[in-house]
PDB file of N, CA and C in Angstrom:
ATOM      1  N   MET A   1      61.830 101.822 102.524  1.00  0.00           N
ATOM      2  CA  MET A   1      63.066 101.314 103.095  1.00  0.00           C
ATOM      3  C   MET A   1      63.093 101.656 104.576  1.00  0.00           C
ATOM      4  N   LYS A   2      63.489 100.697 105.365  1.00  0.00           N
ATOM      5  CA  LYS A   2      63.589 100.881 106.809  1.00  0.00           C
ATOM      6  C   LYS A   2      64.964 101.454 107.149  1.00  0.00           C
ATOM      7  N   THR A   3      64.977 102.507 107.955  1.00  0.00           N
ATOM      8  CA  THR A   3      66.233 103.106 108.383  1.00  0.00           C
ATOM      9  C   THR A   3      66.638 102.526 109.735  1.00  0.00           C
ATOM     10  N   ILE A   4      67.858 102.066 109.798  1.00  0.00           N
ATOM     11  CA  ILE A   4      68.410 101.520 111.043  1.00  0.00           C
ATOM     12  C   ILE A   4      69.616 102.378 111.411  1.00  0.00           C
ATOM     13  N   MET A   5      69.625 102.848 112.637  1.00  0.00           N
ATOM     14  CA  MET A   5      70.738 103.654 113.120  1.00  0.00           C
ATOM     15  C   MET A   5      71.610 102.793 114.028  1.00  0.00           C
ATOM     16  N   LEU A   6      72.917 102.894 113.824  1.00  0.00           N
ATOM     17  CA  LEU A   6      73.872 102.106 114.592  1.00  0.00           C
ATOM     18  C   LEU A   6      74.761 103.001 115.437  1.00  0.00           C
ATOM     19  N   ASN A   7      75.180 102.456 116.565  1.00  0.00           N
ATOM     20  CA  ASN A   7      76.096 103.134 117.463  1.00  0.00           C
ATOM     21  C   ASN A   7      77.425 102.381 117.406  1.00  0.00           C
ATOM     22  N   LEU A   8      78.402 102.955 116.717  1.00  0.00           N
ATOM     23  CA  LEU A   8      79.725 102.331 116.574  1.00  0.00           C
ATOM     24  C   LEU A   8      80.777 103.247 117.193  1.00  0.00           C
ATOM     25  N   ASN A   9      80.599 103.563 118.472  1.00  0.00           N
ATOM     26  CA  ASN A   9      81.424 104.580 119.114  1.00  0.00           C
ATOM     27  C   ASN A   9      82.657 104.047 119.838  1.00  0.00           C
ATOM     28  N   SER A  10      83.075 102.827 119.512  1.00  0.00           N
ATOM     29  CA  SER A  10      84.319 102.313 120.094  1.00  0.00           C
ATOM     30  C   SER A  10      85.044 101.452 119.061  1.00  0.00           C
ATOM     31  N   ILE A  11      86.340 101.312 119.247  1.00  0.00           N
ATOM     32  CA  ILE A  11      87.145 100.509 118.329  1.00  0.00           C
ATOM     33  C   ILE A  11      86.658  99.068 118.321  1.00  0.00           C
ATOM     34  N   ASP A  12      86.347  98.524 119.484  1.00  0.00           N
ATOM     35  CA  ASP A  12      85.880  97.138 119.565  1.00  0.00           C
ATOM     36  C   ASP A  12      84.565  96.936 118.815  1.00  0.00           C
ATOM     37  N   LYS A  13      83.654  97.905 118.914  1.00  0.00           N
ATOM     38  CA  LYS A  13      82.385  97.803 118.188  1.00  0.00           C
ATOM     39  C   LYS A  13      82.610  97.826 116.685  1.00  0.00           C
ATOM     40  N   VAL A  14      83.495  98.691 116.226  1.00  0.00           N
ATOM     41  CA  VAL A  14      83.769  98.776 114.786  1.00  0.00           C
ATOM     42  C   VAL A  14      84.381  97.471 114.292  1.00  0.00           C
ATOM     43  N   LYS A  15      85.367  96.946 115.008  1.00  0.00           N
ATOM     44  CA  LYS A  15      85.994  95.684 114.594  1.00  0.00           C
ATOM     45  C   LYS A  15      84.984  94.546 114.570  1.00  0.00           C
ATOM     46  N   SER A  16      84.164  94.466 115.584  1.00  0.00           N
ATOM     47  CA  SER A  16      83.149  93.422 115.657  1.00  0.00           C
ATOM     48  C   SER A  16      82.119  93.576 114.541  1.00  0.00           C
ATOM     49  N   PHE A  17      81.705  94.820 114.266  1.00  0.00           N
ATOM     50  CA  PHE A  17      80.743  95.070 113.201  1.00  0.00           C
ATOM     51  C   PHE A  17      81.303  94.624 111.853  1.00  0.00           C
ATOM     52  N   VAL A  18      82.544  94.993 111.547  1.00  0.00           N
ATOM     53  CA  VAL A  18      83.150  94.621 110.264  1.00  0.00           C
ATOM     54  C   VAL A  18      83.254  93.106 110.155  1.00  0.00           C
ATOM     55  N   ASN A  19      83.637  92.446 111.230  1.00  0.00           N
ATOM     56  CA  ASN A  19      83.711  90.979 111.205  1.00  0.00           C
ATOM     57  C   ASN A  19      82.342  90.358 110.937  1.00  0.00           C
ATOM     58  N   THR A  20      81.283  90.999 111.377  1.00  0.00           N
ATOM     59  CA  THR A  20      79.919  90.536 111.100  1.00  0.00           C
ATOM     60  C   THR A  20      79.535  90.842 109.656  1.00  0.00           C
ATOM     61  N   ALA A  21      79.823  92.048 109.207  1.00  0.00           N
ATOM     62  CA  ALA A  21      79.399  92.499 107.872  1.00  0.00           C
ATOM     63  C   ALA A  21      80.035  91.695 106.739  1.00  0.00           C
ATOM     64  N   VAL A  22      81.277  91.287 106.907  1.00  0.00           N
ATOM     65  CA  VAL A  22      81.958  90.574 105.819  1.00  0.00           C
ATOM     66  C   VAL A  22      81.353  89.196 105.553  1.00  0.00           C
ATOM     67  N   ASN A  23      80.514  88.713 106.445  1.00  0.00           N
ATOM     68  CA  ASN A  23      79.883  87.405 106.250  1.00  0.00           C
ATOM     69  C   ASN A  23      78.730  87.438 105.251  1.00  0.00           C
ATOM     70  N   PHE A  24      78.315  88.616 104.811  1.00  0.00           N
ATOM     71  CA  PHE A  24      77.189  88.733 103.890  1.00  0.00           C
ATOM     72  C   PHE A  24      77.689  88.987 102.475  1.00  0.00           C
ATOM     73  N   ASP A  25      77.005  88.384 101.493  1.00  0.00           N
ATOM     74  CA  ASP A  25      77.430  88.447 100.094  1.00  0.00           C
ATOM     75  C   ASP A  25      76.981  89.708  99.370  1.00  0.00           C
ATOM     76  N   PHE A  26      76.230  90.574 100.023  1.00  0.00           N
ATOM     77  CA  PHE A  26      75.742  91.791  99.388  1.00  0.00           C
ATOM     78  C   PHE A  26      76.432  93.002 100.010  1.00  0.00           C
ATOM     79  N   ASP A  27      76.296  94.145  99.322  1.00  0.00           N
ATOM     80  CA  ASP A  27      76.932  95.375  99.794  1.00  0.00           C
ATOM     81  C   ASP A  27      76.190  95.946 100.998  1.00  0.00           C
ATOM     82  N   ILE A  28      76.958  96.524 101.887  1.00  0.00           N
ATOM     83  CA  ILE A  28      76.430  97.188 103.070  1.00  0.00           C
ATOM     84  C   ILE A  28      77.101  98.558 103.130  1.00  0.00           C
ATOM     85  N   ASP A  29      76.288  99.604 103.175  1.00  0.00           N
ATOM     86  CA  ASP A  29      76.811 100.969 103.262  1.00  0.00           C
ATOM     87  C   ASP A  29      76.493 101.559 104.623  1.00  0.00           C
ATOM     88  N   LEU A  30      77.392 102.406 105.104  1.00  0.00           N
ATOM     89  CA  LEU A  30      77.143 103.204 106.301  1.00  0.00           C
ATOM     90  C   LEU A  30      77.124 104.660 105.875  1.00  0.00           C
ATOM     91  N   ILE A  31      76.153 105.401 106.385  1.00  0.00           N
ATOM     92  CA  ILE A  31      75.952 106.783 105.986  1.00  0.00           C
ATOM     93  C   ILE A  31      76.021 107.684 107.216  1.00  0.00           C
ATOM     94  N   SER A  32      76.807 108.744 107.105  1.00  0.00           N
ATOM     95  CA  SER A  32      76.895 109.760 108.146  1.00  0.00           C
ATOM     96  C   SER A  32      76.942 111.113 107.451  1.00  0.00           C
ATOM     97  N   ASP A  33      75.922 111.925 107.691  1.00  0.00           N
ATOM     98  CA  ASP A  33      75.776 113.213 107.005  1.00  0.00           C
ATOM     99  C   ASP A  33      75.768 112.968 105.488  1.00  0.00           C
ATOM    100  N   ASN A  34      76.729 113.524 104.757  1.00  0.00           N
ATOM    101  CA  ASN A  34      76.778 113.368 103.303  1.00  0.00           C
ATOM    102  C   ASN A  34      77.777 112.304 102.860  1.00  0.00           C
ATOM    103  N   TYR A  35      78.296 111.527 103.783  1.00  0.00           N
ATOM    104  CA  TYR A  35      79.323 110.547 103.463  1.00  0.00           C
ATOM    105  C   TYR A  35      78.747 109.138 103.488  1.00  0.00           C
ATOM    106  N   VAL A  36      79.117 108.360 102.476  1.00  0.00           N
ATOM    107  CA  VAL A  36      78.706 106.963 102.376  1.00  0.00           C
ATOM    108  C   VAL A  36      79.974 106.131 102.233  1.00  0.00           C
ATOM    109  N   VAL A  37      80.130 105.133 103.108  1.00  0.00           N
ATOM    110  CA  VAL A  37      81.312 104.276 103.049  1.00  0.00           C
ATOM    111  C   VAL A  37      80.882 102.810 103.032  1.00  0.00           C
ATOM    112  N   ASN A  38      81.781 101.975 102.578  1.00  0.00           N
ATOM    113  CA  ASN A  38      81.570 100.541 102.562  1.00  0.00           C
ATOM    114  C   ASN A  38      81.549 100.030 104.007  1.00  0.00           C
ATOM    115  N   GLY A  39      80.472  99.375 104.392  1.00  0.00           N
ATOM    116  CA  GLY A  39      80.342  98.858 105.748  1.00  0.00           C
ATOM    117  C   GLY A  39      81.259  97.694 106.059  1.00  0.00           C
ATOM    118  N   LYS A  40      81.975  97.206 105.046  1.00  0.00           N
ATOM    119  CA  LYS A  40      82.925  96.109 105.256  1.00  0.00           C
ATOM    120  C   LYS A  40      84.363  96.623 105.325  1.00  0.00           C
ATOM    121  N   SER A  41      84.522  97.941 105.284  1.00  0.00           N
ATOM    122  CA  SER A  41      85.846  98.568 105.294  1.00  0.00           C
ATOM    123  C   SER A  41      86.096  99.249 106.632  1.00  0.00           C
ATOM    124  N   ILE A  42      87.021  98.695 107.386  1.00  0.00           N
ATOM    125  CA  ILE A  42      87.314  99.268 108.699  1.00  0.00           C
ATOM    126  C   ILE A  42      87.869 100.691 108.556  1.00  0.00           C
ATOM    127  N   LEU A  43      88.696 100.931 107.534  1.00  0.00           N
ATOM    128  CA  LEU A  43      89.234 102.276 107.322  1.00  0.00           C
ATOM    129  C   LEU A  43      88.131 103.241 106.909  1.00  0.00           C
ATOM    130  N   GLY A  44      87.216 102.776 106.074  1.00  0.00           N
ATOM    131  CA  GLY A  44      86.097 103.620 105.672  1.00  0.00           C
ATOM    132  C   GLY A  44      85.245 104.023 106.857  1.00  0.00           C
ATOM    133  N   ILE A  45      84.964 103.073 107.726  1.00  0.00           N
ATOM    134  CA  ILE A  45      84.139 103.364 108.900  1.00  0.00           C
ATOM    135  C   ILE A  45      84.832 104.360 109.821  1.00  0.00           C
ATOM    136  N   PHE A  46      86.130 104.206 110.004  1.00  0.00           N
ATOM    137  CA  PHE A  46      86.848 105.134 110.881  1.00  0.00           C
ATOM    138  C   PHE A  46      86.955 106.534 110.279  1.00  0.00           C
ATOM    139  N   SER A  47      86.644 106.688 108.990  1.00  0.00           N
ATOM    140  CA  SER A  47      86.648 108.026 108.391  1.00  0.00           C
ATOM    141  C   SER A  47      85.367 108.797 108.711  1.00  0.00           C
ATOM    142  N   LEU A  48      84.364 108.109 109.275  1.00  0.00           N
ATOM    143  CA  LEU A  48      83.098 108.752 109.632  1.00  0.00           C
ATOM    144  C   LEU A  48      83.171 109.368 111.026  1.00  0.00           C
ATOM    145  N   ASP A  49      82.232 110.255 111.308  1.00  0.00           N
ATOM    146  CA  ASP A  49      82.094 110.824 112.652  1.00  0.00           C
ATOM    147  C   ASP A  49      81.335 109.801 113.497  1.00  0.00           C
ATOM    148  N   LEU A  50      82.039 109.018 114.270  1.00  0.00           N
ATOM    149  CA  LEU A  50      81.427 107.940 115.050  1.00  0.00           C
ATOM    150  C   LEU A  50      80.947 108.399 116.420  1.00  0.00           C
ATOM    151  N   ALA A  51      81.044 109.702 116.682  1.00  0.00           N
ATOM    152  CA  ALA A  51      80.527 110.229 117.946  1.00  0.00           C
ATOM    153  C   ALA A  51      79.006 110.259 117.939  1.00  0.00           C
ATOM    154  N   LYS A  52      78.429 110.154 116.749  1.00  0.00           N
ATOM    155  CA  LYS A  52      76.970 110.117 116.629  1.00  0.00           C
ATOM    156  C   LYS A  52      76.572 108.865 115.847  1.00  0.00           C
ATOM    157  N   PRO A  53      75.329 108.450 115.957  1.00  0.00           N
ATOM    158  CA  PRO A  53      74.888 107.238 115.253  1.00  0.00           C
ATOM    159  C   PRO A  53      75.018 107.387 113.736  1.00  0.00           C
ATOM    160  N   VAL A  54      75.248 106.254 113.075  1.00  0.00           N
ATOM    161  CA  VAL A  54      75.331 106.202 111.616  1.00  0.00           C
ATOM    162  C   VAL A  54      74.194 105.340 111.090  1.00  0.00           C
ATOM    163  N   GLU A  55      73.765 105.641 109.878  1.00  0.00           N
ATOM    164  CA  GLU A  55      72.692 104.875 109.232  1.00  0.00           C
ATOM    165  C   GLU A  55      73.306 103.727 108.441  1.00  0.00           C
ATOM    166  N   ILE A  56      72.624 102.607 108.401  1.00  0.00           N
ATOM    167  CA  ILE A  56      73.089 101.468 107.619  1.00  0.00           C
ATOM    168  C   ILE A  56      72.111 101.216 106.481  1.00  0.00           C
ATOM    169  N   ARG A  57      72.658 100.827 105.334  1.00  0.00           N
ATOM    170  CA  ARG A  57      71.833 100.500 104.167  1.00  0.00           C
ATOM    171  C   ARG A  57      72.317  99.165 103.599  1.00  0.00           C
ATOM    172  N   PHE A  58      71.393  98.219 103.495  1.00  0.00           N
ATOM    173  CA  PHE A  58      71.689  96.907 102.936  1.00  0.00           C
ATOM    174  C   PHE A  58      71.263  96.891 101.471  1.00  0.00           C
ATOM    175  N   HIS A  59      72.103  96.404 100.590  1.00  0.00           N
ATOM    176  CA  HIS A  59      71.773  96.282  99.171  1.00  0.00           C
ATOM    177  C   HIS A  59      71.424  94.818  98.888  1.00  0.00           C
ATOM    178  N   CYS A  60      70.239  94.438  99.338  1.00  0.00           N
ATOM    179  CA  CYS A  60      69.801  93.055  99.245  1.00  0.00           C
ATOM    180  C   CYS A  60      68.304  93.017  98.991  1.00  0.00           C
ATOM    181  N   GLU A  61      67.885  92.189  98.064  1.00  0.00           N
ATOM    182  CA  GLU A  61      66.471  92.063  97.737  1.00  0.00           C
ATOM    183  C   GLU A  61      65.850  90.797  98.319  1.00  0.00           C
ATOM    184  N   GLU A  62      66.675  89.868  98.769  1.00  0.00           N
ATOM    185  CA  GLU A  62      66.176  88.599  99.299  1.00  0.00           C
ATOM    186  C   GLU A  62      65.729  88.790 100.755  1.00  0.00           C
ATOM    187  N   PRO A  63      64.444  88.589 101.049  1.00  0.00           N
ATOM    188  CA  PRO A  63      63.916  88.850 102.395  1.00  0.00           C
ATOM    189  C   PRO A  63      64.614  88.062 103.505  1.00  0.00           C
ATOM    190  N   ALA A  64      64.930  86.806 103.266  1.00  0.00           N
ATOM    191  CA  ALA A  64      65.569  85.997 104.310  1.00  0.00           C
ATOM    192  C   ALA A  64      66.972  86.514 104.626  1.00  0.00           C
ATOM    193  N   ALA A  65      67.728  86.861 103.598  1.00  0.00           N
ATOM    194  CA  ALA A  65      69.086  87.374 103.809  1.00  0.00           C
ATOM    195  C   ALA A  65      69.042  88.742 104.479  1.00  0.00           C
ATOM    196  N   LEU A  66      68.077  89.568 104.092  1.00  0.00           N
ATOM    197  CA  LEU A  66      67.929  90.891 104.699  1.00  0.00           C
ATOM    198  C   LEU A  66      67.590  90.770 106.182  1.00  0.00           C
ATOM    199  N   LYS A  67      66.688  89.861 106.511  1.00  0.00           N
ATOM    200  CA  LYS A  67      66.314  89.655 107.913  1.00  0.00           C
ATOM    201  C   LYS A  67      67.512  89.162 108.722  1.00  0.00           C
ATOM    202  N   ALA A  68      68.288  88.245 108.152  1.00  0.00           N
ATOM    203  CA  ALA A  68      69.484  87.730 108.843  1.00  0.00           C
ATOM    204  C   ALA A  68      70.480  88.857 109.098  1.00  0.00           C
ATOM    205  N   ALA A  69      70.648  89.747 108.120  1.00  0.00           N
ATOM    206  CA  ALA A  69      71.581  90.862 108.282  1.00  0.00           C
ATOM    207  C   ALA A  69      71.096  91.829 109.356  1.00  0.00           C
ATOM    208  N   GLN A  70      69.802  92.111 109.357  1.00  0.00           N
ATOM    209  CA  GLN A  70      69.250  93.013 110.370  1.00  0.00           C
ATOM    210  C   GLN A  70      69.403  92.425 111.765  1.00  0.00           C
ATOM    211  N   GLU A  71      69.216  91.129 111.893  1.00  0.00           N
ATOM    212  CA  GLU A  71      69.392  90.482 113.202  1.00  0.00           C
ATOM    213  C   GLU A  71      70.867  90.497 113.613  1.00  0.00           C
ATOM    214  N   ALA A  72      71.757  90.364 112.650  1.00  0.00           N
ATOM    215  CA  ALA A  72      73.195  90.347 112.958  1.00  0.00           C
ATOM    216  C   ALA A  72      73.689  91.698 113.466  1.00  0.00           C
ATOM    217  N   VAL A  73      73.096  92.787 112.981  1.00  0.00           N
ATOM    218  CA  VAL A  73      73.541  94.118 113.415  1.00  0.00           C
ATOM    219  C   VAL A  73      72.732  94.637 114.605  1.00  0.00           C
ATOM    220  N   ALA A  74      71.772  93.877 115.091  1.00  0.00           N
ATOM    221  CA  ALA A  74      70.939  94.310 116.208  1.00  0.00           C
ATOM    222  C   ALA A  74      71.739  94.743 117.444  1.00  0.00           C
ATOM    223  N   PRO A  75      72.845  94.088 117.776  1.00  0.00           N
ATOM    224  CA  PRO A  75      73.607  94.540 118.956  1.00  0.00           C
ATOM    225  C   PRO A  75      74.187  95.947 118.835  1.00  0.00           C
ATOM    226  N   TYR A  76      74.264  96.465 117.621  1.00  0.00           N
ATOM    227  CA  TYR A  76      74.861  97.791 117.398  1.00  0.00           C
ATOM    228  C   TYR A  76      73.803  98.884 117.246  1.00  0.00           C
ATOM    229  N   MET A  77      72.523  98.507 117.264  1.00  0.00           N
ATOM    230  CA  MET A  77      71.446  99.482 117.072  1.00  0.00           C
ATOM    231  C   MET A  77      71.401 100.481 118.219  1.00  0.00           C
ATOM    232  N   THR A  78      71.035 101.715 117.873  1.00  0.00           N
ATOM    233  CA  THR A  78      70.874 102.734 118.910  1.00  0.00           C
ATOM    234  C   THR A  78      69.521 102.577 119.572  1.00  0.00           C
ATOM    235  N   GLU A  79      69.428 103.066 120.770  1.00  0.00           N
ATOM    236  CA  GLU A  79      68.153 103.068 121.473  1.00  0.00           C
ATOM    237  C   GLU A  79      67.294 104.181 120.914  1.00  0.00           C
ATOM    238  N   ALA A  80      66.032 103.887 120.656  1.00  0.00           N
ATOM    239  CA  ALA A  80      65.137 104.887 120.068  1.00  0.00           C
ATOM    240  C   ALA A  80      64.652 105.875 121.111  1.00  0.00           C
TER     241      ALA A  80
END
């Protein structure tokens, strides 16, 4: 599994991310430390420590849909 880290350190980024995430038919989780929240839940995301990058996990087996989701979240990726 490929790990993607996202930077959601502003209200506008979180709102934009959720608006992007809800367009996909599969589950998307965000992970920070020991906490896992629904990536389509704005309240869930705001419960995380957004001062540091969060990991994203896509629950999708279809390669085309997975690639589309990864491209959609590319603007939120952290710099390596």
